[in-house]
Amino acid sequence: MPDQQPALTVLIRAKNEAAYIGQTLSQLFAQEYPHTFRVILIDSGSEDATLEIASQYPVEIIRIPPEDFSYSSALNLGVGRAVGKYFVCLSGDAVPTDKQWLSGLVDALEQDPQVVASFSRQLPREDSNYFVAEQINRTFPGQPRQIVLTDRNREAFATDPYEFSFFSNTSGCIRLAYLKQNPFEELPFAEDRQFAIRALKQGYKLQYVPSSMVFHAHQMTFRGAIHRTRNAALGRWQIRQRRSDLLSILARHLLLPAIFLKASLRLGRDPGLRVTAKLGAFCYLVKVMLGGAIGQTSAWLRYRT
């Protein structure tokens, strides 16, 4: 990278990411991008070798207590320290797959001034659980997509802005000037969806760039499933403010046996998996669905109060 004023800032959020942070930073600094960029890593209480590994790279490290962490506040802290034209979000466990990851994100904004943000395709890792890989591949397809409000889809947006406004801060690029004027709203989860909803209402576009790819997958623990689904439900509620979400949580509980059976049958019929892999995937399914049920129930109880 030539010596010049940084064209953008990359913010990495991390906690106990020793397993991947070295790969993430190695791929980041190997990018074939023609301008310099600044890298900030916000660590919220790592107890493993995350900081030791990160200190081997030209990264500005900011430490915050874990009790002070939220996705929104960490992002806004980074925005306040950012320089350049663009603000790139990258999770500590999201590893760019090639050297064009960054250019792909930036090019989408360079080509259209109405595109306020772009985001990458996420790919499961080779060792990802069957159901984790299935969900990631379904959520992040290989076809590019532009999200913009038009007269034809405005009704769909009004009906459910959360589902309409597809965007992810796991790996994304946003115009820094916009974020300086419109910081992320404080939410327990889904701050990226809230950002997308606001930007679309203001007339901007979002661009999904499947040629920009990262390896990323959450292998959730039972406790993690409870925490994540609870915060996801609370985030959706704060965005939608719809009492129908309460009914959807109850309905999902009633449908859990059917969902579990359907997923189990799909797993059993897959000829490409060994028995041990199927058993591991089945145990993971049980763990995540039970944890999710507890997390959703916790959110429902919170709604009622």
Protein backbone atom coordinates (compact mmCIF):
# COMPACT_ATOMS: atom_id res chain seq x y z
CA MET A 1 0.00 0.00 0.00
CA PRO A 2 1.51 3.38 -0.98
CA ASP A 3 2.10 6.02 1.73
CA GLN A 4 -0.87 8.41 1.54
CA GLN A 5 -3.92 9.57 3.46
CA PRO A 6 -6.11 6.52 4.25
CA ALA A 7 -8.98 6.15 1.81
CA LEU A 8 -11.07 4.22 4.31
CA THR A 9 -11.17 2.71 7.77
CA VAL A 10 -11.75 -0.96 8.56
CA LEU A 11 -13.33 -1.66 11.95
CA ILE A 12 -13.02 -5.14 13.43
CA ARG A 13 -15.06 -6.13 16.49
CA ALA A 14 -13.58 -9.01 18.45
CA LYS A 15 -13.79 -11.00 21.66
CA ASN A 16 -11.97 -14.30 22.09
CA GLU A 17 -11.35 -14.68 18.36
CA ALA A 18 -7.88 -16.25 18.58
CA ALA A 19 -8.97 -19.09 16.31
CA TYR A 20 -9.63 -16.75 13.36
CA ILE A 21 -8.27 -13.25 13.98
CA GLY A 22 -4.86 -14.10 12.53
CA GLN A 23 -6.44 -15.37 9.31
CA THR A 24 -8.74 -12.35 9.14
CA LEU A 25 -5.91 -9.82 9.54
CA SER A 26 -3.56 -11.72 7.23
CA GLN A 27 -6.15 -11.68 4.45
CA LEU A 28 -7.06 -8.07 5.16
CA PHE A 29 -3.49 -6.82 4.73
CA ALA A 30 -3.04 -8.96 1.61
CA GLN A 31 -5.82 -7.14 -0.23
CA GLU A 32 -5.10 -5.87 -3.73
CA TYR A 33 -6.51 -2.43 -3.01
CA PRO A 34 -4.72 0.60 -4.52
CA HIS A 35 -5.06 2.93 -1.52
CA THR A 36 -4.00 2.90 2.10
CA PHE A 37 -6.51 2.11 4.80
CA ARG A 38 -6.64 2.35 8.55
CA VAL A 39 -7.54 -0.65 10.72
CA ILE A 40 -9.14 -0.35 14.16
CA LEU A 41 -9.83 -3.38 16.34
CA ILE A 42 -12.26 -2.99 19.23
CA ASP A 43 -11.82 -5.77 21.76
CA SER A 44 -14.49 -6.30 24.41
CA GLY A 45 -12.64 -8.39 26.96
CA SER A 46 -10.77 -11.18 25.19
CA GLU A 47 -9.26 -13.75 27.53
CA ASP A 48 -7.45 -15.76 24.86
CA ALA A 49 -4.61 -14.80 22.49
CA THR A 50 -6.71 -12.43 20.34
CA LEU A 51 -4.84 -9.27 21.38
CA GLU A 52 -1.44 -10.95 21.22
CA ILE A 53 -2.10 -12.02 17.63
CA ALA A 54 -3.62 -8.68 16.61
CA SER A 55 -0.62 -6.76 18.00
CA GLN A 56 1.55 -8.39 15.34
CA TYR A 57 -0.23 -6.32 12.67
CA PRO A 58 -0.43 -2.52 12.10
CA VAL A 59 -3.75 -2.24 13.91
CA GLU A 60 -5.02 0.35 16.38
CA ILE A 61 -6.42 -1.62 19.30
CA ILE A 62 -9.16 -0.18 21.51
CA ARG A 63 -10.14 -2.12 24.61
CA ILE A 64 -13.54 -1.78 26.23
CA PRO A 65 -15.01 -3.64 29.22
CA PRO A 66 -17.36 -6.47 28.17
CA GLU A 67 -20.20 -4.92 30.16
CA ASP A 68 -19.93 -1.77 28.02
CA PHE A 69 -20.19 -3.64 24.74
CA SER A 70 -23.07 -3.50 22.32
CA TYR A 71 -22.88 -3.89 18.56
CA SER A 72 -24.11 -0.35 17.98
CA SER A 73 -21.86 1.37 20.53
CA ALA A 74 -18.76 -0.45 19.27
CA LEU A 75 -19.54 0.57 15.70
CA ASN A 76 -20.19 4.18 16.68
CA LEU A 77 -16.94 4.26 18.64
CA GLY A 78 -15.17 3.16 15.48
CA VAL A 79 -17.01 5.73 13.37
CA GLY A 80 -15.81 8.46 15.71
CA ARG A 81 -12.17 7.39 15.15
CA ALA A 82 -12.53 6.63 11.44
CA VAL A 83 -10.95 8.57 8.59
CA GLY A 84 -11.33 8.43 4.83
CA LYS A 85 -14.36 8.12 2.58
CA TYR A 86 -15.64 4.69 3.59
CA PHE A 87 -16.21 2.73 6.79
CA VAL A 88 -15.77 -1.03 6.45
CA CYS A 89 -17.21 -3.37 9.10
CA LEU A 90 -15.61 -6.78 9.49
CA SER A 91 -16.28 -9.30 12.23
CA GLY A 92 -13.21 -10.75 13.89
CA ASP A 93 -14.16 -14.26 12.76
CA ALA A 94 -15.04 -13.27 9.17
CA VAL A 95 -12.13 -14.23 6.90
CA PRO A 96 -11.98 -12.72 3.38
CA THR A 97 -11.71 -15.49 0.82
CA ASP A 98 -9.44 -13.67 -1.63
CA LYS A 99 -7.52 -10.46 -2.35
CA GLN A 100 -10.42 -8.72 -4.10
CA TRP A 101 -12.81 -8.75 -1.14
CA LEU A 102 -12.27 -5.09 -0.27
CA SER A 103 -12.25 -3.76 -3.83
CA GLY A 104 -15.55 -5.48 -4.53
CA LEU A 105 -17.25 -3.70 -1.65
CA VAL A 106 -15.78 -0.28 -2.49
CA ASP A 107 -16.47 -0.53 -6.24
CA ALA A 108 -20.20 -0.89 -5.59
CA LEU A 109 -20.21 2.53 -3.90
CA GLU A 110 -17.86 4.13 -6.41
CA GLN A 111 -20.10 3.14 -9.32
CA ASP A 112 -23.34 4.59 -7.95
CA PRO A 113 -23.51 7.62 -5.62
CA GLN A 114 -26.97 6.53 -4.44
CA VAL A 115 -25.60 3.29 -3.01
CA VAL A 116 -24.90 4.14 0.62
CA ALA A 117 -23.68 0.68 1.62
CA SER A 118 -22.56 -2.65 0.20
CA PHE A 119 -22.14 -6.03 1.86
CA SER A 120 -20.48 -9.35 1.17
CA ARG A 121 -21.57 -12.88 0.58
CA GLN A 122 -20.92 -15.16 3.56
CA LEU A 123 -19.75 -18.73 3.02
CA PRO A 124 -19.73 -21.57 5.55
CA ARG A 125 -16.38 -22.98 6.59
CA GLU A 126 -15.43 -26.50 5.59
CA ASP A 127 -16.04 -27.76 9.12
CA SER A 128 -19.37 -25.97 9.52
CA ASN A 129 -22.28 -27.93 10.88
CA TYR A 130 -24.74 -29.20 8.26
CA PHE A 131 -27.56 -26.90 9.40
CA VAL A 132 -25.29 -23.89 9.81
CA ALA A 133 -23.99 -24.31 6.26
CA GLU A 134 -27.50 -24.80 4.91
CA GLN A 135 -28.75 -21.59 6.51
CA ILE A 136 -25.79 -19.51 5.35
CA ASN A 137 -26.06 -20.73 1.75
CA ARG A 138 -29.79 -20.02 1.74
CA THR A 139 -29.38 -16.52 3.20
CA PHE A 140 -26.44 -15.45 1.02
CA PRO A 141 -26.97 -16.68 -2.57
CA GLY A 142 -24.59 -16.20 -5.47
CA GLN A 143 -26.65 -13.65 -7.38
CA PRO A 144 -26.11 -9.87 -6.91
CA ARG A 145 -29.02 -7.88 -5.57
CA GLN A 146 -29.80 -4.20 -5.16
CA ILE A 147 -32.20 -3.20 -2.41
CA VAL A 148 -34.08 0.02 -3.10
CA LEU A 149 -37.56 1.35 -2.42
CA THR A 150 -39.82 1.77 -5.45
CA ASP A 151 -43.53 2.28 -5.99
CA ARG A 152 -43.84 -1.44 -6.72
CA ASN A 153 -42.32 -2.69 -3.47
CA ARG A 154 -43.19 0.10 -1.04
CA GLU A 155 -46.16 -1.87 0.30
CA ALA A 156 -43.96 -4.91 1.02
CA PHE A 157 -41.52 -2.66 2.85
CA ALA A 158 -44.31 -1.13 4.93
CA THR A 159 -45.66 -4.59 5.79
CA ASP A 160 -42.32 -5.88 7.12
CA PRO A 161 -39.37 -3.48 6.87
CA TYR A 162 -37.18 -5.85 8.90
CA GLU A 163 -37.32 -8.69 6.35
CA PHE A 164 -37.22 -6.32 3.36
CA SER A 165 -34.08 -4.47 4.44
CA PHE A 166 -31.43 -7.12 3.86
CA PHE A 167 -27.99 -5.96 5.09
CA SER A 168 -25.19 -7.33 7.27
CA ASN A 169 -22.42 -5.64 9.26
CA THR A 170 -20.45 -8.90 9.35
CA SER A 171 -18.71 -7.68 6.20
CA GLY A 172 -19.93 -4.41 4.76
CA CYS A 173 -18.86 -0.99 3.50
CA ILE A 174 -20.72 2.24 4.31
CA ARG A 175 -20.14 5.86 3.32
CA LEU A 176 -18.43 7.40 6.34
CA ALA A 177 -19.98 10.85 5.82
CA TYR A 178 -23.42 9.26 6.08
CA LEU A 179 -22.55 7.49 9.34
CA LYS A 180 -21.13 10.66 10.83
CA GLN A 181 -24.57 12.23 10.36
CA ASN A 182 -26.57 9.04 11.02
CA PRO A 183 -24.91 6.88 13.71
CA PHE A 184 -26.16 3.39 14.49
CA GLU A 185 -29.16 3.27 16.80
CA GLU A 186 -28.73 1.44 20.08
CA LEU A 187 -30.33 -2.01 19.82
CA PRO A 188 -29.54 -5.38 21.43
CA PHE A 189 -29.33 -6.89 17.94
CA ALA A 190 -30.03 -6.11 14.28
CA GLU A 191 -28.49 -2.63 14.30
CA ASP A 192 -27.57 -3.30 10.67
CA ARG A 193 -31.22 -3.89 9.74
CA GLN A 194 -32.24 -0.66 11.47
CA PHE A 195 -29.50 1.17 9.58
CA ALA A 196 -30.76 -0.29 6.31
CA ILE A 197 -34.38 0.64 7.02
CA ARG A 198 -33.46 4.25 7.73
CA ALA A 199 -31.23 4.54 4.65
CA LEU A 200 -33.92 3.10 2.36
CA LYS A 201 -36.50 5.52 3.74
CA GLN A 202 -34.10 8.35 2.90
CA GLY A 203 -33.94 7.22 -0.72
CA TYR A 204 -30.59 5.44 -0.71
CA LYS A 205 -29.75 2.02 -2.17
CA LEU A 206 -28.03 -1.03 -0.69
CA GLN A 207 -25.92 -3.37 -2.82
CA TYR A 208 -25.35 -7.07 -2.12
CA VAL A 209 -21.98 -8.02 -3.70
CA PRO A 210 -21.61 -11.83 -3.88
CA SER A 211 -18.21 -11.53 -5.56
CA SER A 212 -16.91 -10.11 -2.27
CA MET A 213 -16.85 -13.15 0.03
CA VAL A 214 -15.94 -14.05 3.60
CA PHE A 215 -15.87 -17.35 5.44
CA HIS A 216 -18.12 -16.92 8.46
CA ALA A 217 -20.22 -19.27 10.56
CA HIS A 218 -21.51 -19.31 14.12
CA GLN A 219 -21.17 -22.71 15.80
CA MET A 220 -23.43 -21.75 18.68
CA THR A 221 -23.32 -23.28 22.12
CA PHE A 222 -26.54 -23.94 24.04
CA ARG A 223 -25.99 -20.77 26.07
CA GLY A 224 -25.08 -18.85 22.91
CA ALA A 225 -28.32 -19.94 21.23
CA ILE A 226 -30.33 -18.62 24.17
CA HIS A 227 -28.49 -15.29 24.17
CA ARG A 228 -28.53 -14.79 20.40
CA THR A 229 -32.19 -15.69 19.80
CA ARG A 230 -33.31 -13.58 22.76
CA ASN A 231 -31.44 -10.51 21.46
CA ALA A 232 -32.59 -11.16 17.90
CA ALA A 233 -36.23 -11.27 19.02
CA LEU A 234 -35.80 -8.10 21.09
CA GLY A 235 -34.14 -6.37 18.15
CA ARG A 236 -36.97 -7.31 15.79
CA TRP A 237 -39.51 -6.11 18.33
CA GLN A 238 -37.83 -2.72 18.73
CA ILE A 239 -37.66 -2.28 14.97
CA ARG A 240 -41.15 -3.49 14.15
CA GLN A 241 -43.01 -2.48 17.32
CA ARG A 242 -45.69 -4.99 16.41
CA ARG A 243 -47.62 -7.06 18.91
CA SER A 244 -47.98 -9.70 16.19
CA ASP A 245 -44.37 -10.61 16.99
CA LEU A 246 -45.60 -11.94 20.32
CA LEU A 247 -47.96 -14.27 18.50
CA SER A 248 -45.23 -15.34 16.08
CA ILE A 249 -43.04 -16.41 19.01
CA LEU A 250 -45.86 -18.49 20.47
CA ALA A 251 -46.66 -19.95 17.04
CA ARG A 252 -43.02 -20.94 16.55
CA HIS A 253 -43.09 -22.79 19.86
CA LEU A 254 -46.12 -24.76 18.69
CA LEU A 255 -44.41 -25.54 15.39
CA LEU A 256 -41.10 -26.63 16.92
CA PRO A 257 -41.90 -30.37 16.74
CA ALA A 258 -42.78 -30.10 13.03
CA ILE A 259 -39.71 -27.98 12.25
CA PHE A 260 -37.51 -30.42 14.14
CA LEU A 261 -38.99 -33.43 12.33
CA LYS A 262 -38.64 -31.84 8.88
CA ALA A 263 -35.01 -30.88 9.51
CA SER A 264 -34.20 -34.34 10.86
CA LEU A 265 -35.69 -36.05 7.81
CA ARG A 266 -33.76 -33.76 5.48
CA LEU A 267 -30.57 -34.59 7.34
CA GLY A 268 -31.23 -38.33 7.26
CA ARG A 269 -31.83 -38.35 3.51
CA ASP A 270 -28.59 -36.57 2.63
CA PRO A 271 -26.40 -39.28 1.02
CA GLY A 272 -23.26 -37.15 1.16
CA LEU A 273 -22.91 -37.20 4.94
CA ARG A 274 -21.31 -39.88 7.06
CA VAL A 275 -23.19 -41.28 10.04
CA THR A 276 -20.92 -39.48 12.50
CA ALA A 277 -21.51 -36.16 10.72
CA LYS A 278 -25.26 -36.74 10.78
CA LEU A 279 -25.14 -37.52 14.48
CA GLY A 280 -23.17 -34.35 15.17
CA ALA A 281 -25.56 -32.26 13.09
CA PHE A 282 -28.55 -33.83 14.86
CA CYS A 283 -27.13 -33.02 18.32
CA TYR A 284 -26.43 -29.47 17.19
CA LEU A 285 -30.01 -29.13 15.95
CA VAL A 286 -31.39 -30.24 19.32
CA LYS A 287 -29.11 -27.86 21.20
CA VAL A 288 -29.89 -24.81 19.05
CA MET A 289 -33.63 -25.40 18.89
CA LEU A 290 -33.94 -25.84 22.66
CA GLY A 291 -31.71 -22.84 23.28
CA GLY A 292 -33.67 -20.85 20.75
CA ALA A 293 -36.97 -21.75 22.40
CA ILE A 294 -35.67 -20.55 25.77
CA GLY A 295 -34.29 -17.36 24.22
CA GLN A 296 -37.56 -16.61 22.42
CA THR A 297 -39.52 -17.25 25.62
CA SER A 298 -37.25 -14.86 27.51
CA ALA A 299 -37.88 -12.19 24.87
CA TRP A 300 -41.63 -12.81 25.02
CA LEU A 301 -41.61 -12.32 28.78
CA ARG A 302 -39.67 -9.10 28.29
CA TYR A 303 -42.23 -7.88 25.72
CA ARG A 304 -45.04 -8.41 28.18
CA THR A 305 -43.43 -6.10 30.70
